[in-house]
Amino acid sequence: MSETRSAGVTYTRPDDEYFEKRTLKRSAGVWGLWGLAVAAVISGDFSGWNFGVDFAGFGGMLVAFALLTVMYYGITFSIGEMAAAMPHSGGAYSFARSALGPWGGLATGLSETIEYVATTAVVVYFSASYADGVTGELLGLHLPGPVWWAVLYATFILLNTAGAHVSFNVAIALSIISIAIIGVFSLMAVVSGAFSVSSLWNIAADGSFGASSFLPHGVYPILFALPFAMWFFLGIEELPLAAEESHNPVRDIPRAGLWARGTLIVTGLLILVLNTGVLGAEDTATSLEPLLDGFRVIVGDTAAAALALVALIGLLASLMGIMFAYGRNMYSLSRAGYYPKVLSLTGRSQTPTVALIAGAVIGYAALVIVDAAGGSSSPAGAIVLNIATWGAVGAYALQMVSFIVLRKKFPLAERPYVSPWGLAGAWSALAISAAVFFGFLLNPTFLPAILAIIVVYVLIFVVFAIWGRHNLIMSPEEEYALNGGLHARVDAAIDAPAGSVEFS
C-alpha cells in the first residue's frame, strides 16, 4: 500500500482485495431507478406532510408545495448533471468532495446520513401505527411501538440484503401499488361527494399579518410549512447513490429523476387537495394517519383494518427505498475511510449489510430516546421528521453550492448530461433551501432537531480531525476529486464491476 497527502489529509491506496470485499452489483435499468426514487418518497403522501397545514393552513401548504416544486426541479436537474459526470455510489458526498474538499465532502455526506437514517426511522414510526391498527382490528393484537419498530427494521434489512435486484424489483412493485392506492382514493373522494372545497378553508383566520381564509395564520408561517411540504419529495435525491448498481447511470439517472419527479408532483397535488378537502383542513392538520382517516370518512370504520393495510403499503414502499439510500450513503463514506471501514463490507449478497444494520440500530435508538424524552405532547415521529428534514436541507444547500463551484472549478470535466436549468436552477434551489433552513431557525418547535444535529456534527468532525483525515482511502470519489475530473473514464465506470472502478 502507498500513501498520498493532499489538502491536509492522508490517503492509502489499498490492494485489490480491499475493493473485492466492497463490491456492488449492477442490477437496475431506468425503471428500477424510477421505482427506487418513487418508493423512497411516496410515504410522504400517506403521513407527515399534513403537519404543515397546522402551521400555515391549506393555502400556506399550497404555496409551500409550489415553491418546493421549483426547488426540486433545480435539485434533480443539478444532481443529474453531477451524477452523470461522477457515476459513483457516493452521490452528494462525491459531488461535495470534488467541489469543497474533504471537509465539505464529509459535511455533505453526513447531512445525507442524518437525512436517510432519520427518514427511515420516521417511516418505521408511522408504519408501526398503521400495522398495529391492522392487527388490532383483525386479530385483537396490539404490540408496543418499540416491538413494531424492531419487526419492521428486521424485515426490511432482510429484503435489502437479499440482493440489489430484489431491492429494485420490490421498489417498483410497491411504487405501482402505492400510486394505484392514491388513484383509487382520489376517484372515491370525487365520486362519493366526500370532498368539499369549503373544507379546505375551515381553519379560521387568527388576525395575524396577512391572515385570510386562504392563509389563516398569515404569510409568515409559510416558512414553517416548507419543511413538511418537503415530505412530498424528500428522498428523490437518492438516485445518484445507485450509480454503481445501475446498468447505465449516465443515461438512466437523469431520465429516472425526470419521470419520478413528474410522478410525485401529480400524486402530491392529489393528496394535498383531495385528502384535505375530505377531512377538512382543521382535522388534517392533527391527523397521524391522514390518508387512512380520509378513507374512513368516505367508507366508514367498518373496513378500517383493510384500509389500514392498504395505506401501510405506501409507507413500506418508502421504507424499502430510504433504507437502500442510507445503506449506500454509509457504504461510500466508509469505503473512502470517513466512516469505519467495516461499514462498507458487502459479502456474498453484494449489498452493504453492515451499513444497513448500523443505520437501523441508530434509527431505532433515536426513536426510543426521543419517544421516552418527548412524552405524549411531542410525538417521536414528528421530532425525528424534523431531524430528517433539516439534514436534507443541509445536504441540498451543499449540493447546490457544489454544482456552482464545479462549473467553475472543473470546466473541462466531461459532462454527459447537462442540466437544462444550469446555474439558474442551482441558485433557485439554493435560495429556497436557505428559506427552509431559515424557517427552522425561527420556529422553536424545531429546536430539539437542530440541537441533535449540531451534537452529531461536532462529534463526527472532532473524530475526523484527530484520526479520520489521516486514514482515508483512495476510492473512486476521492481520485476523481484529486484529478479534477479530467481523466475520469465514464465508459469504464459503466462497464466495470460496481465498486471496482479506478481512475488514473
Protein backbone atom coordinates (compact mmCIF):
# COMPACT_ATOMS: atom_id res chain seq x y z
CA MET A 1 0.00 0.00 0.00
CA SER A 2 1.19 3.52 -0.85
CA GLU A 3 0.28 6.83 0.78
CA THR A 4 -0.65 10.20 -0.74
CA ARG A 5 -1.04 13.52 1.06
CA SER A 6 -3.36 16.25 -0.20
CA ALA A 7 -5.43 19.10 1.29
CA GLY A 8 -4.46 18.19 4.84
CA VAL A 9 -5.49 14.55 4.58
CA THR A 10 -3.60 11.31 4.02
CA TYR A 11 -4.73 8.63 1.56
CA THR A 12 -3.84 4.97 1.36
CA ARG A 13 -4.12 3.20 -1.98
CA PRO A 14 -5.27 -0.29 -0.96
CA ASP A 15 -4.71 -3.57 -2.74
CA ASP A 16 -7.34 -5.23 -4.93
CA GLU A 17 -8.67 -7.32 -2.05
CA TYR A 18 -9.97 -4.19 -0.30
CA PHE A 19 -12.35 -3.36 -3.16
CA GLU A 20 -13.21 -7.01 -3.82
CA LYS A 21 -14.74 -7.13 -0.35
CA ARG A 22 -16.68 -3.95 -1.14
CA THR A 23 -18.26 -4.77 -4.48
CA LEU A 24 -21.76 -3.84 -5.58
CA LYS A 25 -23.67 -5.45 -8.46
CA ARG A 26 -25.25 -3.69 -11.42
CA SER A 27 -28.94 -4.58 -11.34
CA ALA A 28 -31.06 -1.55 -12.31
CA GLY A 29 -32.37 -0.09 -15.52
CA VAL A 30 -34.29 3.15 -15.77
CA TRP A 31 -37.50 1.62 -14.38
CA GLY A 32 -35.69 0.18 -11.39
CA LEU A 33 -34.27 3.64 -10.65
CA TRP A 34 -37.70 5.24 -11.15
CA GLY A 35 -39.22 2.72 -8.72
CA LEU A 36 -36.47 3.37 -6.19
CA ALA A 37 -36.98 7.15 -6.31
CA VAL A 38 -40.77 6.99 -6.10
CA ALA A 39 -40.70 4.35 -3.38
CA ALA A 40 -38.35 6.44 -1.28
CA VAL A 41 -40.74 9.40 -1.35
CA ILE A 42 -44.26 8.00 -1.62
CA SER A 43 -44.83 7.55 2.13
CA GLY A 44 -44.81 11.34 2.36
CA ASP A 45 -48.20 11.26 0.65
CA PHE A 46 -49.53 8.97 3.38
CA SER A 47 -48.27 10.69 6.58
CA GLY A 48 -46.17 13.61 7.72
CA TRP A 49 -46.96 16.34 5.17
CA ASN A 50 -50.17 17.31 6.92
CA PHE A 51 -48.47 18.83 9.98
CA GLY A 52 -47.68 21.79 7.73
CA VAL A 53 -51.40 22.56 7.43
CA ASP A 54 -51.40 23.18 11.18
CA PHE A 55 -48.79 25.92 10.74
CA ALA A 56 -49.99 27.63 7.57
CA GLY A 57 -53.41 26.29 6.61
CA PHE A 58 -54.22 24.73 3.26
CA GLY A 59 -53.33 27.89 1.33
CA GLY A 60 -49.94 28.13 3.01
CA MET A 61 -49.22 24.49 2.18
CA LEU A 62 -50.23 25.07 -1.43
CA VAL A 63 -47.76 27.96 -1.67
CA ALA A 64 -45.08 25.83 0.03
CA PHE A 65 -45.76 22.98 -2.43
CA ALA A 66 -45.30 25.34 -5.39
CA LEU A 67 -42.02 26.70 -4.03
CA LEU A 68 -40.68 23.22 -3.39
CA THR A 69 -41.66 22.06 -6.87
CA VAL A 70 -39.30 24.72 -8.20
CA MET A 71 -36.63 23.73 -5.67
CA TYR A 72 -36.76 20.05 -6.56
CA TYR A 73 -36.65 20.77 -10.29
CA GLY A 74 -33.42 22.69 -9.68
CA ILE A 75 -32.06 19.97 -7.41
CA THR A 76 -32.83 16.98 -9.63
CA PHE A 77 -31.52 18.68 -12.78
CA SER A 78 -28.32 19.68 -10.98
CA ILE A 79 -27.64 16.31 -9.35
CA GLY A 80 -28.45 14.62 -12.66
CA GLU A 81 -25.58 16.52 -14.25
CA MET A 82 -23.19 15.77 -11.40
CA ALA A 83 -24.20 12.10 -11.20
CA ALA A 84 -23.60 11.58 -14.92
CA ALA A 85 -20.15 13.15 -14.57
CA MET A 86 -19.35 11.22 -11.40
CA PRO A 87 -21.15 7.85 -11.57
CA HIS A 88 -20.05 6.72 -8.11
CA SER A 89 -22.15 5.42 -5.22
CA GLY A 90 -21.12 8.45 -3.14
CA GLY A 91 -23.82 10.73 -4.51
CA ALA A 92 -23.93 14.02 -2.60
CA TYR A 93 -20.70 13.25 -0.74
CA SER A 94 -18.96 12.64 -4.05
CA PHE A 95 -20.13 15.95 -5.54
CA ALA A 96 -19.15 17.99 -2.49
CA ARG A 97 -15.81 16.22 -2.12
CA SER A 98 -14.81 17.33 -5.61
CA ALA A 99 -16.10 20.87 -5.13
CA LEU A 100 -15.45 21.64 -1.47
CA GLY A 101 -12.65 19.32 -0.39
CA PRO A 102 -12.58 16.53 2.22
CA TRP A 103 -14.30 18.56 4.95
CA GLY A 104 -17.05 19.64 2.57
CA GLY A 105 -17.48 16.07 1.39
CA LEU A 106 -17.80 14.82 4.95
CA ALA A 107 -20.24 17.60 5.89
CA THR A 108 -22.49 16.83 2.92
CA GLY A 109 -22.26 13.07 3.30
CA LEU A 110 -23.06 13.35 7.00
CA SER A 111 -26.11 15.50 6.23
CA GLU A 112 -27.39 12.76 3.94
CA THR A 113 -26.68 10.09 6.53
CA ILE A 114 -28.74 12.05 9.06
CA GLU A 115 -31.48 12.61 6.49
CA TYR A 116 -31.81 8.99 5.39
CA VAL A 117 -31.35 7.32 8.78
CA ALA A 118 -33.86 9.70 10.37
CA THR A 119 -36.31 9.42 7.46
CA THR A 120 -36.23 5.64 7.76
CA ALA A 121 -36.98 5.99 11.47
CA VAL A 122 -39.94 8.29 10.72
CA VAL A 123 -41.38 5.82 8.22
CA VAL A 124 -40.90 3.00 10.73
CA TYR A 125 -42.71 5.07 13.36
CA PHE A 126 -45.77 5.75 11.19
CA SER A 127 -45.76 2.22 9.73
CA ALA A 128 -45.92 0.80 13.25
CA SER A 129 -49.03 2.85 13.94
CA TYR A 130 -50.73 1.57 10.78
CA ALA A 131 -49.61 -2.03 11.36
CA ASP A 132 -50.88 -2.03 14.92
CA GLY A 133 -54.24 -0.81 13.67
CA VAL A 134 -54.40 -3.75 11.27
CA THR A 135 -53.51 -6.44 13.81
CA GLY A 136 -55.73 -4.81 16.42
CA GLU A 137 -58.78 -4.91 14.16
CA LEU A 138 -58.18 -8.36 12.64
CA LEU A 139 -56.54 -10.26 15.50
CA GLY A 140 -57.17 -8.17 18.58
CA LEU A 141 -53.39 -7.97 18.91
CA HIS A 142 -51.66 -4.76 19.94
CA LEU A 143 -47.90 -4.51 20.36
CA PRO A 144 -45.82 -1.74 21.91
CA GLY A 145 -44.24 0.70 19.46
CA PRO A 146 -40.65 -0.47 20.08
CA VAL A 147 -41.64 -4.05 19.23
CA TRP A 148 -43.15 -2.97 15.92
CA TRP A 149 -40.09 -0.86 15.17
CA ALA A 150 -37.81 -3.86 15.67
CA VAL A 151 -40.01 -6.08 13.48
CA LEU A 152 -40.10 -3.55 10.65
CA TYR A 153 -36.38 -2.84 10.73
CA ALA A 154 -35.53 -6.56 10.76
CA THR A 155 -37.91 -7.36 7.89
CA PHE A 156 -36.60 -4.69 5.58
CA ILE A 157 -32.96 -5.32 6.38
CA LEU A 158 -33.56 -8.88 5.20
CA LEU A 159 -35.18 -7.65 1.98
CA ASN A 160 -32.41 -5.12 1.31
CA THR A 161 -29.65 -7.63 1.93
CA ALA A 162 -31.20 -10.24 -0.37
CA GLY A 163 -29.56 -8.51 -3.32
CA ALA A 164 -29.87 -5.25 -5.25
CA HIS A 165 -32.18 -6.85 -7.84
CA VAL A 166 -34.62 -7.65 -5.03
CA SER A 167 -34.47 -4.07 -3.77
CA PHE A 168 -35.23 -2.63 -7.21
CA ASN A 169 -37.99 -5.10 -8.05
CA VAL A 170 -39.73 -4.69 -4.69
CA ALA A 171 -39.42 -0.90 -5.03
CA ILE A 172 -41.08 -0.98 -8.47
CA ALA A 173 -43.93 -3.18 -7.23
CA LEU A 174 -44.59 -1.14 -4.08
CA SER A 175 -44.41 2.13 -6.02
CA ILE A 176 -47.01 0.99 -8.54
CA ILE A 177 -49.32 -0.29 -5.80
CA SER A 178 -48.93 2.93 -3.82
CA ILE A 179 -49.74 5.08 -6.85
CA ALA A 180 -52.80 2.90 -7.51
CA ILE A 181 -53.97 3.41 -3.91
CA ILE A 182 -53.67 7.18 -4.28
CA GLY A 183 -55.55 6.97 -7.58
CA VAL A 184 -58.37 4.94 -6.00
CA PHE A 185 -58.62 7.35 -3.07
CA SER A 186 -58.74 10.33 -5.43
CA LEU A 187 -61.50 8.76 -7.51
CA MET A 188 -63.50 7.80 -4.40
CA ALA A 189 -63.09 11.28 -2.93
CA VAL A 190 -64.58 12.89 -6.03
CA VAL A 191 -67.41 10.47 -6.89
CA SER A 192 -68.54 9.89 -3.27
CA GLY A 193 -69.21 13.56 -2.63
CA ALA A 194 -66.98 13.46 0.47
CA PHE A 195 -64.69 16.13 -0.99
CA SER A 196 -65.72 19.70 -0.27
CA VAL A 197 -63.93 22.83 -1.45
CA SER A 198 -65.17 24.71 1.61
CA SER A 199 -63.44 22.16 3.88
CA LEU A 200 -60.10 23.36 2.55
CA TRP A 201 -60.64 26.70 4.29
CA ASN A 202 -62.24 25.67 7.61
CA ILE A 203 -59.36 26.96 9.76
CA ALA A 204 -60.44 30.38 10.99
CA ALA A 205 -58.21 33.38 10.31
CA ASP A 206 -56.50 34.43 13.53
CA GLY A 207 -55.79 38.09 12.85
CA SER A 208 -52.09 37.68 12.08
CA PHE A 209 -50.42 39.84 9.42
CA GLY A 210 -51.84 38.84 6.05
CA ALA A 211 -54.36 36.44 7.59
CA SER A 212 -57.29 35.39 5.41
CA SER A 213 -59.33 32.31 4.62
CA PHE A 214 -56.52 31.31 2.23
CA LEU A 215 -53.75 31.98 4.78
CA PRO A 216 -55.48 31.63 8.17
CA HIS A 217 -52.30 32.33 10.13
CA GLY A 218 -50.85 34.90 7.74
CA VAL A 219 -47.87 34.87 5.41
CA TYR A 220 -45.07 34.29 7.91
CA PRO A 221 -45.99 30.64 8.80
CA ILE A 222 -45.42 29.55 5.21
CA LEU A 223 -41.77 29.28 6.26
CA PHE A 224 -42.82 26.76 8.93
CA ALA A 225 -44.86 24.76 6.42
CA LEU A 226 -41.94 24.35 3.99
CA PRO A 227 -40.22 21.52 5.91
CA PHE A 228 -43.45 19.49 5.90
CA ALA A 229 -44.18 20.20 2.23
CA MET A 230 -40.75 18.69 1.57
CA TRP A 231 -42.26 15.38 2.62
CA PHE A 232 -43.92 15.18 -0.82
CA PHE A 233 -40.46 15.00 -2.46
CA LEU A 234 -37.87 14.15 0.19
CA GLY A 235 -35.80 11.18 -0.91
CA ILE A 236 -35.88 11.60 -4.70
CA GLU A 237 -32.32 12.93 -4.49
CA GLU A 238 -31.08 9.47 -3.51
CA LEU A 239 -30.88 8.36 -7.15
CA PRO A 240 -27.13 9.05 -7.57
CA LEU A 241 -26.44 6.63 -4.71
CA ALA A 242 -27.50 3.83 -7.09
CA ALA A 243 -24.92 4.80 -9.74
CA GLU A 244 -22.71 1.75 -9.21
CA GLU A 245 -25.76 -0.54 -9.31
CA SER A 246 -27.23 0.98 -12.47
CA HIS A 247 -26.54 -0.57 -15.87
CA ASN A 248 -26.16 2.87 -17.45
CA PRO A 249 -26.04 5.61 -14.78
CA VAL A 250 -25.00 8.34 -17.23
CA ARG A 251 -28.22 7.98 -19.20
CA ASP A 252 -30.69 6.49 -16.74
CA ILE A 253 -30.23 8.53 -13.55
CA PRO A 254 -31.23 11.88 -15.14
CA ARG A 255 -34.09 10.20 -17.01
CA ALA A 256 -35.40 8.37 -13.94
CA GLY A 257 -35.19 11.59 -11.94
CA LEU A 258 -37.33 13.40 -14.53
CA TRP A 259 -40.01 10.72 -14.57
CA ALA A 260 -40.04 10.25 -10.81
CA ARG A 261 -40.34 13.98 -10.20
CA GLY A 262 -43.35 14.23 -12.53
CA THR A 263 -44.99 11.25 -10.83
CA LEU A 264 -44.54 12.76 -7.39
CA ILE A 265 -45.87 16.19 -8.37
CA VAL A 266 -49.12 14.57 -9.53
CA THR A 267 -49.56 12.29 -6.51
CA GLY A 268 -48.61 15.09 -4.10
CA LEU A 269 -51.16 17.52 -5.54
CA LEU A 270 -53.90 14.89 -5.48
CA ILE A 271 -53.27 14.14 -1.82
CA LEU A 272 -52.81 17.75 -0.73
CA VAL A 273 -56.06 18.91 -2.32
CA LEU A 274 -58.34 15.87 -2.05
CA ASN A 275 -57.22 14.49 1.32
CA THR A 276 -57.53 17.94 2.91
CA GLY A 277 -60.89 18.52 1.22
CA VAL A 278 -62.26 15.22 2.54
CA LEU A 279 -61.05 15.58 6.13
CA GLY A 280 -61.16 19.34 6.35
CA ALA A 281 -58.06 21.43 6.98
CA GLU A 282 -58.56 21.53 10.73
CA ASP A 283 -58.68 17.75 11.16
CA THR A 284 -55.98 17.16 8.52
CA ALA A 285 -53.57 19.33 10.50
CA THR A 286 -53.50 17.00 13.50
CA SER A 287 -54.02 13.55 11.96
CA LEU A 288 -51.33 10.91 12.44
CA GLU A 289 -52.74 8.92 9.51
CA PRO A 290 -54.44 11.41 7.14
CA LEU A 291 -54.93 9.12 4.15
CA LEU A 292 -56.44 6.39 6.32
CA ASP A 293 -58.69 8.94 8.03
CA GLY A 294 -59.72 10.15 4.59
CA PHE A 295 -60.73 6.63 3.58
CA ARG A 296 -62.69 6.34 6.83
CA VAL A 297 -64.68 9.47 6.03
CA ILE A 298 -65.61 8.01 2.63
CA VAL A 299 -66.49 4.40 3.58
CA GLY A 300 -66.82 4.49 7.38
CA ASP A 301 -64.99 2.50 10.02
CA THR A 302 -66.35 -0.91 9.00
CA ALA A 303 -63.39 -1.62 6.73
CA ALA A 304 -60.81 0.08 8.94
CA ALA A 305 -58.42 -2.87 9.05
CA ALA A 306 -58.44 -3.37 5.29
CA LEU A 307 -57.95 0.34 4.74
CA ALA A 308 -55.06 0.46 7.19
CA LEU A 309 -53.41 -2.44 5.37
CA VAL A 310 -53.82 -0.63 2.08
CA ALA A 311 -52.38 2.60 3.48
CA LEU A 312 -49.49 0.70 5.08
CA ILE A 313 -48.23 -0.33 1.64
CA GLY A 314 -47.18 3.23 0.81
CA LEU A 315 -45.19 3.50 3.99
CA LEU A 316 -43.48 0.18 3.36
CA ALA A 317 -42.51 1.34 -0.13
CA SER A 318 -40.57 4.22 1.35
CA LEU A 319 -39.07 2.01 4.00
CA MET A 320 -37.58 -0.06 1.19
CA GLY A 321 -36.31 2.91 -0.78
CA ILE A 322 -34.90 5.01 2.04
CA MET A 323 -33.18 2.08 3.71
CA PHE A 324 -31.43 1.46 0.39
CA ALA A 325 -30.29 5.10 0.46
CA TYR A 326 -28.72 5.16 3.90
CA GLY A 327 -27.03 1.83 3.21
CA ARG A 328 -25.30 3.18 0.08
CA ASN A 329 -24.53 6.55 1.63
CA MET A 330 -22.79 4.95 4.61
CA TYR A 331 -21.13 2.40 2.32
CA SER A 332 -19.47 5.06 0.17
CA LEU A 333 -18.27 7.18 3.09
CA SER A 334 -16.95 4.05 4.77
CA ARG A 335 -15.21 2.79 1.62
CA ALA A 336 -13.35 6.11 1.47
CA GLY A 337 -12.44 5.96 5.16
CA TYR A 338 -14.62 8.77 6.54
CA TYR A 339 -16.69 6.22 8.48
CA PRO A 340 -15.35 2.96 9.97
CA LYS A 341 -14.27 0.78 7.05
CA VAL A 342 -16.20 -2.23 8.27
CA LEU A 343 -19.43 -0.49 7.24
CA SER A 344 -18.57 -0.88 3.54
CA LEU A 345 -18.19 -4.66 3.55
CA THR A 346 -20.66 -6.24 1.13
CA GLY A 347 -20.19 -10.02 1.37
CA ARG A 348 -21.81 -12.63 -0.83
CA SER A 349 -25.03 -10.67 -1.44
CA GLN A 350 -23.02 -7.70 -2.76
CA THR A 351 -25.08 -5.35 -0.61
CA PRO A 352 -23.76 -3.21 2.29
CA THR A 353 -25.19 -5.43 5.01
CA VAL A 354 -23.12 -3.98 7.85
CA ALA A 355 -24.11 -0.42 6.95
CA LEU A 356 -27.79 -1.39 6.74
CA ILE A 357 -27.68 -2.92 10.22
CA ALA A 358 -25.74 0.01 11.68
CA GLY A 359 -28.23 2.55 10.30
CA ALA A 360 -31.12 0.53 11.71
CA VAL A 361 -29.54 0.41 15.17
CA ILE A 362 -29.00 4.18 15.13
CA GLY A 363 -32.55 4.89 13.91
CA TYR A 364 -34.12 2.53 16.43
CA ALA A 365 -32.14 4.07 19.27
CA ALA A 366 -33.20 7.58 18.18
CA LEU A 367 -36.86 6.59 18.23
CA VAL A 368 -36.60 5.03 21.66
CA ILE A 369 -34.73 8.01 23.12
CA VAL A 370 -36.96 10.67 21.57
CA ASP A 371 -40.12 8.76 22.44
CA ALA A 372 -39.04 8.42 26.07
CA ALA A 373 -37.97 12.06 26.34
CA GLY A 374 -40.83 13.63 24.41
CA GLY A 375 -43.83 12.11 26.07
CA SER A 376 -47.32 12.34 24.60
CA SER A 377 -47.06 16.07 23.93
CA SER A 378 -44.31 15.68 21.33
CA PRO A 379 -44.63 12.53 19.17
CA ALA A 380 -41.33 10.88 18.35
CA GLY A 381 -42.28 10.69 14.69
CA ALA A 382 -42.72 14.46 14.41
CA ILE A 383 -39.40 15.24 16.13
CA VAL A 384 -37.39 12.74 14.10
CA LEU A 385 -39.15 14.02 10.98
CA ASN A 386 -37.72 17.46 11.76
CA ILE A 387 -34.24 15.94 12.13
CA ALA A 388 -34.61 14.21 8.75
CA THR A 389 -35.85 17.35 7.03
CA TRP A 390 -33.13 19.58 8.44
CA GLY A 391 -30.49 17.06 7.42
CA ALA A 392 -31.97 17.06 3.92
CA VAL A 393 -31.97 20.86 3.70
CA GLY A 394 -28.30 20.94 4.66
CA ALA A 395 -27.45 18.34 2.03
CA TYR A 396 -29.45 20.19 -0.65
CA ALA A 397 -27.75 23.51 0.03
CA LEU A 398 -24.28 21.96 -0.02
CA GLN A 399 -25.02 20.07 -3.25
CA MET A 400 -26.21 23.23 -4.99
CA VAL A 401 -23.09 25.06 -3.81
CA SER A 402 -21.08 22.11 -5.15
CA PHE A 403 -22.79 22.33 -8.54
CA ILE A 404 -22.00 26.03 -8.81
CA VAL A 405 -18.39 25.53 -7.72
CA LEU A 406 -17.83 22.53 -10.03
CA ARG A 407 -18.96 24.51 -13.08
CA LYS A 408 -16.08 26.91 -12.38
CA LYS A 409 -13.56 24.58 -10.77
CA PHE A 410 -13.74 21.72 -13.29
CA PRO A 411 -14.78 23.47 -16.53
CA LEU A 412 -13.15 20.80 -18.73
CA ALA A 413 -14.60 17.77 -16.92
CA GLU A 414 -16.77 15.56 -19.10
CA ARG A 415 -20.49 16.20 -18.53
CA PRO A 416 -22.52 13.63 -20.50
CA TYR A 417 -25.74 15.23 -19.23
CA VAL A 418 -26.13 18.97 -18.72
CA SER A 419 -28.84 20.49 -16.52
CA PRO A 420 -31.36 22.38 -18.70
CA TRP A 421 -31.73 24.95 -15.89
CA GLY A 422 -27.98 25.35 -15.48
CA LEU A 423 -26.68 27.71 -12.82
CA ALA A 424 -30.08 29.41 -12.51
CA GLY A 425 -31.62 26.12 -11.37
CA ALA A 426 -28.93 25.58 -8.77
CA TRP A 427 -29.21 29.16 -7.47
CA SER A 428 -33.02 28.95 -7.20
CA ALA A 429 -32.85 25.63 -5.35
CA LEU A 430 -30.17 27.05 -3.04
CA ALA A 431 -32.31 30.11 -2.27
CA ILE A 432 -35.41 28.07 -1.42
CA SER A 433 -33.45 25.57 0.67
CA ALA A 434 -31.98 28.54 2.55
CA ALA A 435 -35.53 29.77 3.22
CA VAL A 436 -36.43 26.35 4.65
CA PHE A 437 -33.29 26.45 6.77
CA PHE A 438 -34.25 29.94 8.00
CA GLY A 439 -37.74 28.71 8.85
CA PHE A 440 -36.24 26.01 11.04
CA LEU A 441 -34.19 28.55 12.98
CA LEU A 442 -37.21 30.78 13.62
CA ASN A 443 -39.51 28.04 14.88
CA PRO A 444 -38.83 26.86 18.46
CA THR A 445 -40.64 23.59 17.67
CA PHE A 446 -37.62 22.55 15.61
CA LEU A 447 -35.03 23.35 18.30
CA PRO A 448 -34.59 19.71 19.52
CA ALA A 449 -33.85 18.58 15.96
CA ILE A 450 -31.31 21.36 15.42
CA LEU A 451 -29.53 20.66 18.71
CA ALA A 452 -29.37 16.92 17.94
CA ILE A 453 -27.79 17.55 14.55
CA ILE A 454 -25.26 20.02 15.96
CA VAL A 455 -24.15 17.45 18.54
CA VAL A 456 -23.70 14.78 15.86
CA TYR A 457 -21.68 17.15 13.66
CA VAL A 458 -19.37 18.20 16.47
CA LEU A 459 -18.64 14.59 17.45
CA ILE A 460 -18.00 13.40 13.87
CA PHE A 461 -15.84 16.39 12.99
CA VAL A 462 -13.70 16.02 16.12
CA VAL A 463 -13.07 12.34 15.34
CA PHE A 464 -12.25 13.18 11.72
CA ALA A 465 -9.85 15.95 12.72
CA ILE A 466 -7.97 13.76 15.19
CA TRP A 467 -7.97 10.41 13.41
CA GLY A 468 -10.11 10.06 10.29
CA ARG A 469 -8.36 12.54 7.98
CA HIS A 470 -5.12 10.59 8.28
CA ASN A 471 -6.73 7.29 7.31
CA LEU A 472 -8.63 7.95 4.08
CA ILE A 473 -8.75 5.51 1.18
CA MET A 474 -8.19 6.38 -2.49
CA SER A 475 -11.71 5.46 -3.53
CA PRO A 476 -13.22 6.42 -6.95
CA GLU A 477 -14.83 9.53 -5.41
CA GLU A 478 -11.54 10.71 -3.92
CA GLU A 479 -9.48 10.05 -7.04
CA TYR A 480 -11.95 11.93 -9.24
CA ALA A 481 -11.67 14.92 -6.89
CA LEU A 482 -7.87 14.84 -6.95
CA ASN A 483 -7.53 14.62 -10.74
CA GLY A 484 -10.11 17.34 -11.38
CA GLY A 485 -12.39 15.10 -13.38
CA LEU A 486 -10.10 15.37 -16.39
CA HIS A 487 -9.19 11.69 -16.60
CA ALA A 488 -12.48 10.11 -15.47
CA ARG A 489 -13.45 7.37 -17.89
CA VAL A 490 -17.23 7.33 -17.93
CA ASP A 491 -17.38 4.29 -20.20
CA ALA A 492 -15.19 2.40 -17.74
CA ALA A 493 -17.45 3.46 -14.91
CA ILE A 494 -20.40 1.96 -16.75
CA ASP A 495 -18.75 -1.27 -17.90
CA ALA A 496 -16.59 -2.16 -14.91
CA PRO A 497 -17.87 -4.18 -11.93
CA ALA A 498 -19.53 -1.82 -9.46
CA GLY A 499 -17.33 -0.83 -6.58
CA SER A 500 -14.15 -1.61 -8.52
CA VAL A 501 -13.88 1.44 -10.79
CA GLU A 502 -10.43 3.00 -10.83
CA PHE A 503 -9.45 6.38 -12.26
CA SER A 504 -5.96 7.19 -13.45
